Amino acid sequence: MTLNFSAKITVDAKEKTKAIYDSVNTDNEFYPENPVKTEIKFNEKLSIFVGSEHLPHLRANLNSTLRLIQVSHDSIESVKI
């Protein structure tokens, strides 16, 4: 498969990054039929690579992933102890 479109995003949420990774990567692992190649890695920062043959698929996947990151961050912030 040749990926005509791709994007790489790096997220640094300080001490929340690992929790966000765990939350977002779970969705990625349980959707193997995803038409967009999505790799999520954690190494002090969250690295996300998405690639697709179709730009609308890439855009939709990227929007969903970014929303999941935002919701995860907001959820963690809402339960600060």
PDB file of N, CA and C in Angstrom:
ATOM      1  N   MET A   1       0.843  -1.184   0.000  1.00  0.00           N
ATOM      2  CA  MET A   1       0.000   0.000   0.000  1.00  0.00           C
ATOM      3  C   MET A   1       0.884   1.241   0.000  1.00  0.00           C
ATOM      4  N   THR A   2       0.671   2.109  -0.952  1.00  0.00           N
ATOM      5  CA  THR A   2       1.386   3.369  -1.015  1.00  0.00           C
ATOM      6  C   THR A   2       0.558   4.430  -0.302  1.00  0.00           C
ATOM      7  N   LEU A   3       1.178   5.109   0.626  1.00  0.00           N
ATOM      8  CA  LEU A   3       0.474   6.148   1.366  1.00  0.00           C
ATOM      9  C   LEU A   3       0.757   7.497   0.716  1.00  0.00           C
ATOM     10  N   ASN A   4      -0.258   8.064   0.093  1.00  0.00           N
ATOM     11  CA  ASN A   4      -0.092   9.331  -0.601  1.00  0.00           C
ATOM     12  C   ASN A   4      -0.148  10.528   0.329  1.00  0.00           C
ATOM     13  N   PHE A   5      -0.816  10.370   1.442  1.00  0.00           N
ATOM     14  CA  PHE A   5      -0.977  11.459   2.395  1.00  0.00           C
ATOM     15  C   PHE A   5      -0.583  10.969   3.776  1.00  0.00           C
ATOM     16  N   SER A   6       0.108  11.824   4.529  1.00  0.00           N
ATOM     17  CA  SER A   6       0.495  11.435   5.886  1.00  0.00           C
ATOM     18  C   SER A   6       0.650  12.669   6.763  1.00  0.00           C
ATOM     19  N   ALA A   7       0.602  12.429   8.057  1.00  0.00           N
ATOM     20  CA  ALA A   7       0.799  13.491   9.036  1.00  0.00           C
ATOM     21  C   ALA A   7       1.450  12.889  10.271  1.00  0.00           C
ATOM     22  N   LYS A   8       2.299  13.661  10.908  1.00  0.00           N
ATOM     23  CA  LYS A   8       2.915  13.240  12.165  1.00  0.00           C
ATOM     24  C   LYS A   8       2.682  14.350  13.177  1.00  0.00           C
ATOM     25  N   ILE A   9       2.207  13.950  14.352  1.00  0.00           N
ATOM     26  CA  ILE A   9       1.911  14.910  15.413  1.00  0.00           C
ATOM     27  C   ILE A   9       2.609  14.459  16.680  1.00  0.00           C
ATOM     28  N   THR A  10       3.175  15.396  17.392  1.00  0.00           N
ATOM     29  CA  THR A  10       3.810  15.117  18.675  1.00  0.00           C
ATOM     30  C   THR A  10       3.069  15.907  19.750  1.00  0.00           C
ATOM     31  N   VAL A  11       2.729  15.212  20.837  1.00  0.00           N
ATOM     32  CA  VAL A  11       2.002  15.837  21.943  1.00  0.00           C
ATOM     33  C   VAL A  11       2.819  15.675  23.212  1.00  0.00           C
ATOM     34  N   ASP A  12       2.993  16.773  23.931  1.00  0.00           N
ATOM     35  CA  ASP A  12       3.680  16.736  25.223  1.00  0.00           C
ATOM     36  C   ASP A  12       2.744  17.337  26.262  1.00  0.00           C
ATOM     37  N   ALA A  13       2.130  16.473  27.049  1.00  0.00           N
ATOM     38  CA  ALA A  13       1.203  16.918  28.093  1.00  0.00           C
ATOM     39  C   ALA A  13       1.823  16.728  29.477  1.00  0.00           C
ATOM     40  N   LYS A  14       3.145  16.791  29.513  1.00  0.00           N
ATOM     41  CA  LYS A  14       3.906  16.635  30.764  1.00  0.00           C
ATOM     42  C   LYS A  14       3.552  15.316  31.460  1.00  0.00           C
ATOM     43  N   GLU A  15       3.143  15.386  32.716  1.00  0.00           N
ATOM     44  CA  GLU A  15       2.891  14.170  33.489  1.00  0.00           C
ATOM     45  C   GLU A  15       1.623  13.432  33.048  1.00  0.00           C
ATOM     46  N   LYS A  16       0.810  14.055  32.210  1.00  0.00           N
ATOM     47  CA  LYS A  16      -0.432  13.419  31.745  1.00  0.00           C
ATOM     48  C   LYS A  16      -0.230  12.616  30.457  1.00  0.00           C
ATOM     49  N   THR A  17       0.917  12.735  29.833  1.00  0.00           N
ATOM     50  CA  THR A  17       1.144  12.145  28.515  1.00  0.00           C
ATOM     51  C   THR A  17       0.949  10.638  28.504  1.00  0.00           C
ATOM     52  N   LYS A  18       1.463   9.914  29.481  1.00  0.00           N
ATOM     53  CA  LYS A  18       1.340   8.452  29.516  1.00  0.00           C
ATOM     54  C   LYS A  18      -0.126   8.038  29.644  1.00  0.00           C
ATOM     55  N   ALA A  19      -0.880   8.712  30.487  1.00  0.00           N
ATOM     56  CA  ALA A  19      -2.302   8.393  30.649  1.00  0.00           C
ATOM     57  C   ALA A  19      -3.067   8.662  29.351  1.00  0.00           C
ATOM     58  N   ILE A  20      -2.742   9.735  28.680  1.00  0.00           N
ATOM     59  CA  ILE A  20      -3.384  10.042  27.401  1.00  0.00           C
ATOM     60  C   ILE A  20      -3.026   8.978  26.374  1.00  0.00           C
ATOM     61  N   TYR A  21      -1.774   8.572  26.340  1.00  0.00           N
ATOM     62  CA  TYR A  21      -1.340   7.508  25.426  1.00  0.00           C
ATOM     63  C   TYR A  21      -2.149   6.232  25.676  1.00  0.00           C
ATOM     64  N   ASP A  22      -2.264   5.819  26.920  1.00  0.00           N
ATOM     65  CA  ASP A  22      -3.005   4.601  27.252  1.00  0.00           C
ATOM     66  C   ASP A  22      -4.454   4.693  26.776  1.00  0.00           C
ATOM     67  N   SER A  23      -5.052   5.838  26.927  1.00  0.00           N
ATOM     68  CA  SER A  23      -6.439   6.033  26.531  1.00  0.00           C
ATOM     69  C   SER A  23      -6.610   5.999  25.010  1.00  0.00           C
ATOM     70  N   VAL A  24      -5.796   6.735  24.303  1.00  0.00           N
ATOM     71  CA  VAL A  24      -5.922   6.855  22.853  1.00  0.00           C
ATOM     72  C   VAL A  24      -5.473   5.586  22.144  1.00  0.00           C
ATOM     73  N   ASN A  25      -4.423   4.970  22.612  1.00  0.00           N
ATOM     74  CA  ASN A  25      -3.898   3.786  21.936  1.00  0.00           C
ATOM     75  C   ASN A  25      -4.851   2.599  22.055  1.00  0.00           C
ATOM     76  N   THR A  26      -5.624   2.535  23.107  1.00  0.00           N
ATOM     77  CA  THR A  26      -6.601   1.462  23.261  1.00  0.00           C
ATOM     78  C   THR A  26      -7.575   1.464  22.094  1.00  0.00           C
ATOM     79  N   ASP A  27      -8.085   2.613  21.715  1.00  0.00           N
ATOM     80  CA  ASP A  27      -8.989   2.706  20.560  1.00  0.00           C
ATOM     81  C   ASP A  27      -8.293   2.235  19.295  1.00  0.00           C
ATOM     82  N   ASN A  28      -7.059   2.607  19.132  1.00  0.00           N
ATOM     83  CA  ASN A  28      -6.304   2.235  17.939  1.00  0.00           C
ATOM     84  C   ASN A  28      -6.097   0.723  17.851  1.00  0.00           C
ATOM     85  N   GLU A  29      -5.817   0.069  18.964  1.00  0.00           N
ATOM     86  CA  GLU A  29      -5.559  -1.366  18.979  1.00  0.00           C
ATOM     87  C   GLU A  29      -6.805  -2.196  18.659  1.00  0.00           C
ATOM     88  N   PHE A  30      -7.976  -1.678  18.991  1.00  0.00           N
ATOM     89  CA  PHE A  30      -9.201  -2.441  18.796  1.00  0.00           C
ATOM     90  C   PHE A  30      -9.951  -2.070  17.520  1.00  0.00           C
ATOM     91  N   TYR A  31      -9.247  -1.482  16.559  1.00  0.00           N
ATOM     92  CA  TYR A  31      -9.852  -1.138  15.275  1.00  0.00           C
ATOM     93  C   TYR A  31      -8.876  -1.519  14.161  1.00  0.00           C
ATOM     94  N   PRO A  32      -8.586  -2.819  14.028  1.00  0.00           N
ATOM     95  CA  PRO A  32      -7.590  -3.261  13.053  1.00  0.00           C
ATOM     96  C   PRO A  32      -8.013  -3.043  11.601  1.00  0.00           C
ATOM     97  N   GLU A  33      -9.300  -2.938  11.338  1.00  0.00           N
ATOM     98  CA  GLU A  33      -9.757  -2.742   9.967  1.00  0.00           C
ATOM     99  C   GLU A  33      -9.755  -1.270   9.542  1.00  0.00           C
ATOM    100  N   ASN A  34      -9.179  -0.416  10.355  1.00  0.00           N
ATOM    101  CA  ASN A  34      -9.085   1.008  10.049  1.00  0.00           C
ATOM    102  C   ASN A  34      -8.409   1.200   8.690  1.00  0.00           C
ATOM    103  N   PRO A  35      -9.045   1.923   7.768  1.00  0.00           N
ATOM    104  CA  PRO A  35      -8.443   2.134   6.448  1.00  0.00           C
ATOM    105  C   PRO A  35      -7.258   3.103   6.477  1.00  0.00           C
ATOM    106  N   VAL A  36      -7.043   3.744   7.606  1.00  0.00           N
ATOM    107  CA  VAL A  36      -5.933   4.678   7.754  1.00  0.00           C
ATOM    108  C   VAL A  36      -4.868   4.022   8.621  1.00  0.00           C
ATOM    109  N   LYS A  37      -3.637   3.992   8.140  1.00  0.00           N
ATOM    110  CA  LYS A  37      -2.541   3.448   8.934  1.00  0.00           C
ATOM    111  C   LYS A  37      -2.270   4.435  10.068  1.00  0.00           C
ATOM    112  N   THR A  38      -2.421   3.944  11.298  1.00  0.00           N
ATOM    113  CA  THR A  38      -2.245   4.810  12.464  1.00  0.00           C
ATOM    114  C   THR A  38      -1.266   4.166  13.430  1.00  0.00           C
ATOM    115  N   GLU A  39      -0.193   4.872  13.725  1.00  0.00           N
ATOM    116  CA  GLU A  39       0.790   4.400  14.708  1.00  0.00           C
ATOM    117  C   GLU A  39       0.853   5.420  15.836  1.00  0.00           C
ATOM    118  N   ILE A  40       0.754   4.915  17.059  1.00  0.00           N
ATOM    119  CA  ILE A  40       0.837   5.778  18.230  1.00  0.00           C
ATOM    120  C   ILE A  40       1.940   5.224  19.120  1.00  0.00           C
ATOM    121  N   LYS A  41       2.902   6.080  19.434  1.00  0.00           N
ATOM    122  CA  LYS A  41       4.033   5.652  20.264  1.00  0.00           C
ATOM    123  C   LYS A  41       4.213   6.614  21.431  1.00  0.00           C
ATOM    124  N   PHE A  42       4.749   6.054  22.509  1.00  0.00           N
ATOM    125  CA  PHE A  42       5.028   6.869  23.693  1.00  0.00           C
ATOM    126  C   PHE A  42       6.498   6.732  24.062  1.00  0.00           C
ATOM    127  N   ASN A  43       7.174   7.857  24.133  1.00  0.00           N
ATOM    128  CA  ASN A  43       8.551   7.919  24.606  1.00  0.00           C
ATOM    129  C   ASN A  43       8.740   9.311  25.199  1.00  0.00           C
ATOM    130  N   GLU A  44       8.212   9.508  26.384  1.00  0.00           N
ATOM    131  CA  GLU A  44       8.136  10.780  27.087  1.00  0.00           C
ATOM    132  C   GLU A  44       7.168  11.749  26.427  1.00  0.00           C
ATOM    133  N   LYS A  45       7.015  11.668  25.114  1.00  0.00           N
ATOM    134  CA  LYS A  45       6.019  12.433  24.375  1.00  0.00           C
ATOM    135  C   LYS A  45       5.183  11.450  23.577  1.00  0.00           C
ATOM    136  N   LEU A  46       4.026  11.879  23.178  1.00  0.00           N
ATOM    137  CA  LEU A  46       3.130  11.066  22.373  1.00  0.00           C
ATOM    138  C   LEU A  46       3.400  11.388  20.904  1.00  0.00           C
ATOM    139  N   SER A  47       3.732  10.374  20.113  1.00  0.00           N
ATOM    140  CA  SER A  47       3.967  10.551  18.680  1.00  0.00           C
ATOM    141  C   SER A  47       2.890   9.801  17.919  1.00  0.00           C
ATOM    142  N   ILE A  48       2.246  10.507  17.022  1.00  0.00           N
ATOM    143  CA  ILE A  48       1.166   9.913  16.242  1.00  0.00           C
ATOM    144  C   ILE A  48       1.503  10.089  14.767  1.00  0.00           C
ATOM    145  N   PHE A  49       1.471   8.972  14.029  1.00  0.00           N
ATOM    146  CA  PHE A  49       1.665   8.998  12.590  1.00  0.00           C
ATOM    147  C   PHE A  49       0.417   8.424  11.948  1.00  0.00           C
ATOM    148  N   VAL A  50      -0.149   9.156  11.002  1.00  0.00           N
ATOM    149  CA  VAL A  50      -1.291   8.658  10.245  1.00  0.00           C
ATOM    150  C   VAL A  50      -0.966   8.772   8.762  1.00  0.00           C
ATOM    151  N   GLY A  51      -1.348   7.750   8.026  1.00  0.00           N
ATOM    152  CA  GLY A  51      -1.118   7.750   6.586  1.00  0.00           C
ATOM    153  C   GLY A  51      -2.270   7.077   5.870  1.00  0.00           C
ATOM    154  N   SER A  52      -2.582   7.573   4.688  1.00  0.00           N
ATOM    155  CA  SER A  52      -3.705   7.020   3.933  1.00  0.00           C
ATOM    156  C   SER A  52      -3.541   7.327   2.449  1.00  0.00           C
ATOM    157  N   GLU A  53      -4.220   6.530   1.649  1.00  0.00           N
ATOM    158  CA  GLU A  53      -4.274   6.798   0.217  1.00  0.00           C
ATOM    159  C   GLU A  53      -5.310   7.877  -0.093  1.00  0.00           C
ATOM    160  N   HIS A  54      -6.202   8.138   0.852  1.00  0.00           N
ATOM    161  CA  HIS A  54      -7.303   9.071   0.623  1.00  0.00           C
ATOM    162  C   HIS A  54      -7.271  10.190   1.656  1.00  0.00           C
ATOM    163  N   LEU A  55      -7.211  11.406   1.196  1.00  0.00           N
ATOM    164  CA  LEU A  55      -7.141  12.562   2.082  1.00  0.00           C
ATOM    165  C   LEU A  55      -8.349  12.679   3.025  1.00  0.00           C
ATOM    166  N   PRO A  56      -9.584  12.462   2.576  1.00  0.00           N
ATOM    167  CA  PRO A  56     -10.708  12.552   3.515  1.00  0.00           C
ATOM    168  C   PRO A  56     -10.610  11.539   4.656  1.00  0.00           C
ATOM    169  N   HIS A  57     -10.114  10.327   4.377  1.00  0.00           N
ATOM    170  CA  HIS A  57      -9.940   9.332   5.438  1.00  0.00           C
ATOM    171  C   HIS A  57      -8.890   9.799   6.438  1.00  0.00           C
ATOM    172  N   LEU A  58      -7.792  10.346   5.926  1.00  0.00           N
ATOM    173  CA  LEU A  58      -6.730  10.835   6.804  1.00  0.00           C
ATOM    174  C   LEU A  58      -7.255  11.956   7.697  1.00  0.00           C
ATOM    175  N   ARG A  59      -7.976  12.892   7.091  1.00  0.00           N
ATOM    176  CA  ARG A  59      -8.507  14.026   7.848  1.00  0.00           C
ATOM    177  C   ARG A  59      -9.466  13.557   8.939  1.00  0.00           C
ATOM    178  N   ALA A  60     -10.353  12.637   8.612  1.00  0.00           N
ATOM    179  CA  ALA A  60     -11.315  12.142   9.591  1.00  0.00           C
ATOM    180  C   ALA A  60     -10.611  11.421  10.742  1.00  0.00           C
ATOM    181  N   ASN A  61      -9.623  10.586  10.414  1.00  0.00           N
ATOM    182  CA  ASN A  61      -8.889   9.868  11.453  1.00  0.00           C
ATOM    183  C   ASN A  61      -8.108  10.831  12.331  1.00  0.00           C
ATOM    184  N   LEU A  62      -7.478  11.797  11.719  1.00  0.00           N
ATOM    185  CA  LEU A  62      -6.700  12.774  12.476  1.00  0.00           C
ATOM    186  C   LEU A  62      -7.599  13.595  13.394  1.00  0.00           C
ATOM    187  N   ASN A  63      -8.747  14.027  12.889  1.00  0.00           N
ATOM    188  CA  ASN A  63      -9.692  14.774  13.734  1.00  0.00           C
ATOM    189  C   ASN A  63     -10.153  13.937  14.915  1.00  0.00           C
ATOM    190  N   SER A  64     -10.489  12.681  14.672  1.00  0.00           N
ATOM    191  CA  SER A  64     -10.938  11.798  15.754  1.00  0.00           C
ATOM    192  C   SER A  64      -9.850  11.595  16.792  1.00  0.00           C
ATOM    193  N   THR A  65      -8.628  11.355  16.328  1.00  0.00           N
ATOM    194  CA  THR A  65      -7.513  11.131  17.250  1.00  0.00           C
ATOM    195  C   THR A  65      -7.237  12.373  18.086  1.00  0.00           C
ATOM    196  N   LEU A  66      -7.240  13.530  17.461  1.00  0.00           N
ATOM    197  CA  LEU A  66      -6.999  14.773  18.201  1.00  0.00           C
ATOM    198  C   LEU A  66      -8.116  15.052  19.202  1.00  0.00           C
ATOM    199  N   ARG A  67      -9.344  14.739  18.828  1.00  0.00           N
ATOM    200  CA  ARG A  67     -10.460  14.910  19.780  1.00  0.00           C
ATOM    201  C   ARG A  67     -10.313  13.967  20.964  1.00  0.00           C
ATOM    202  N   LEU A  68      -9.909  12.718  20.705  1.00  0.00           N
ATOM    203  CA  LEU A  68      -9.690  11.773  21.802  1.00  0.00           C
ATOM    204  C   LEU A  68      -8.592  12.267  22.741  1.00  0.00           C
ATOM    205  N   ILE A  69      -7.544  12.824  22.193  1.00  0.00           N
ATOM    206  CA  ILE A  69      -6.465  13.373  23.021  1.00  0.00           C
ATOM    207  C   ILE A  69      -6.999  14.514  23.878  1.00  0.00           C
ATOM    208  N   GLN A  70      -7.774  15.415  23.273  1.00  0.00           N
ATOM    209  CA  GLN A  70      -8.319  16.545  24.019  1.00  0.00           C
ATOM    210  C   GLN A  70      -9.261  16.083  25.128  1.00  0.00           C
ATOM    211  N   VAL A  71     -10.125  15.124  24.816  1.00  0.00           N
ATOM    212  CA  VAL A  71     -11.074  14.602  25.821  1.00  0.00           C
ATOM    213  C   VAL A  71     -10.326  13.900  26.948  1.00  0.00           C
ATOM    214  N   SER A  72      -9.309  13.138  26.612  1.00  0.00           N
ATOM    215  CA  SER A  72      -8.508  12.464  27.640  1.00  0.00           C
ATOM    216  C   SER A  72      -7.854  13.483  28.555  1.00  0.00           C
ATOM    217  N   HIS A  73      -7.269  14.504  27.967  1.00  0.00           N
ATOM    218  CA  HIS A  73      -6.617  15.553  28.764  1.00  0.00           C
ATOM    219  C   HIS A  73      -7.637  16.264  29.660  1.00  0.00           C
ATOM    220  N   ASP A  74      -8.783  16.627  29.091  1.00  0.00           N
ATOM    221  CA  ASP A  74      -9.813  17.322  29.858  1.00  0.00           C
ATOM    222  C   ASP A  74     -10.350  16.454  31.005  1.00  0.00           C
ATOM    223  N   SER A  75     -10.495  15.153  30.749  1.00  0.00           N
ATOM    224  CA  SER A  75     -10.976  14.243  31.791  1.00  0.00           C
ATOM    225  C   SER A  75      -9.988  14.164  32.940  1.00  0.00           C
ATOM    226  N   ILE A  76      -8.719  14.062  32.617  1.00  0.00           N
ATOM    227  CA  ILE A  76      -7.684  14.022  33.655  1.00  0.00           C
ATOM    228  C   ILE A  76      -7.696  15.314  34.453  1.00  0.00           C
ATOM    229  N   GLU A  77      -7.823  16.438  33.766  1.00  0.00           N
ATOM    230  CA  GLU A  77      -7.846  17.737  34.447  1.00  0.00           C
ATOM    231  C   GLU A  77      -9.063  17.876  35.356  1.00  0.00           C
ATOM    232  N   SER A  78     -10.184  17.280  34.967  1.00  0.00           N
ATOM    233  CA  SER A  78     -11.413  17.463  35.736  1.00  0.00           C
ATOM    234  C   SER A  78     -11.393  16.705  37.069  1.00  0.00           C
ATOM    235  N   VAL A  79     -10.516  15.730  37.208  1.00  0.00           N
ATOM    236  CA  VAL A  79     -10.458  14.970  38.453  1.00  0.00           C
ATOM    237  C   VAL A  79      -9.171  15.226  39.228  1.00  0.00           C
ATOM    238  N   LYS A  80      -8.607  16.384  39.048  1.00  0.00           N
ATOM    239  CA  LYS A  80      -7.384  16.742  39.797  1.00  0.00           C
ATOM    240  C   LYS A  80      -7.629  16.601  41.290  1.00  0.00           C
ATOM    241  N   ILE A  81      -6.694  15.962  41.919  1.00  0.00           N
ATOM    242  CA  ILE A  81      -6.806  15.775  43.376  1.00  0.00           C
ATOM    243  C   ILE A  81      -5.761  16.610  44.068  1.00  0.00           C
TER     244      ILE A  81
END
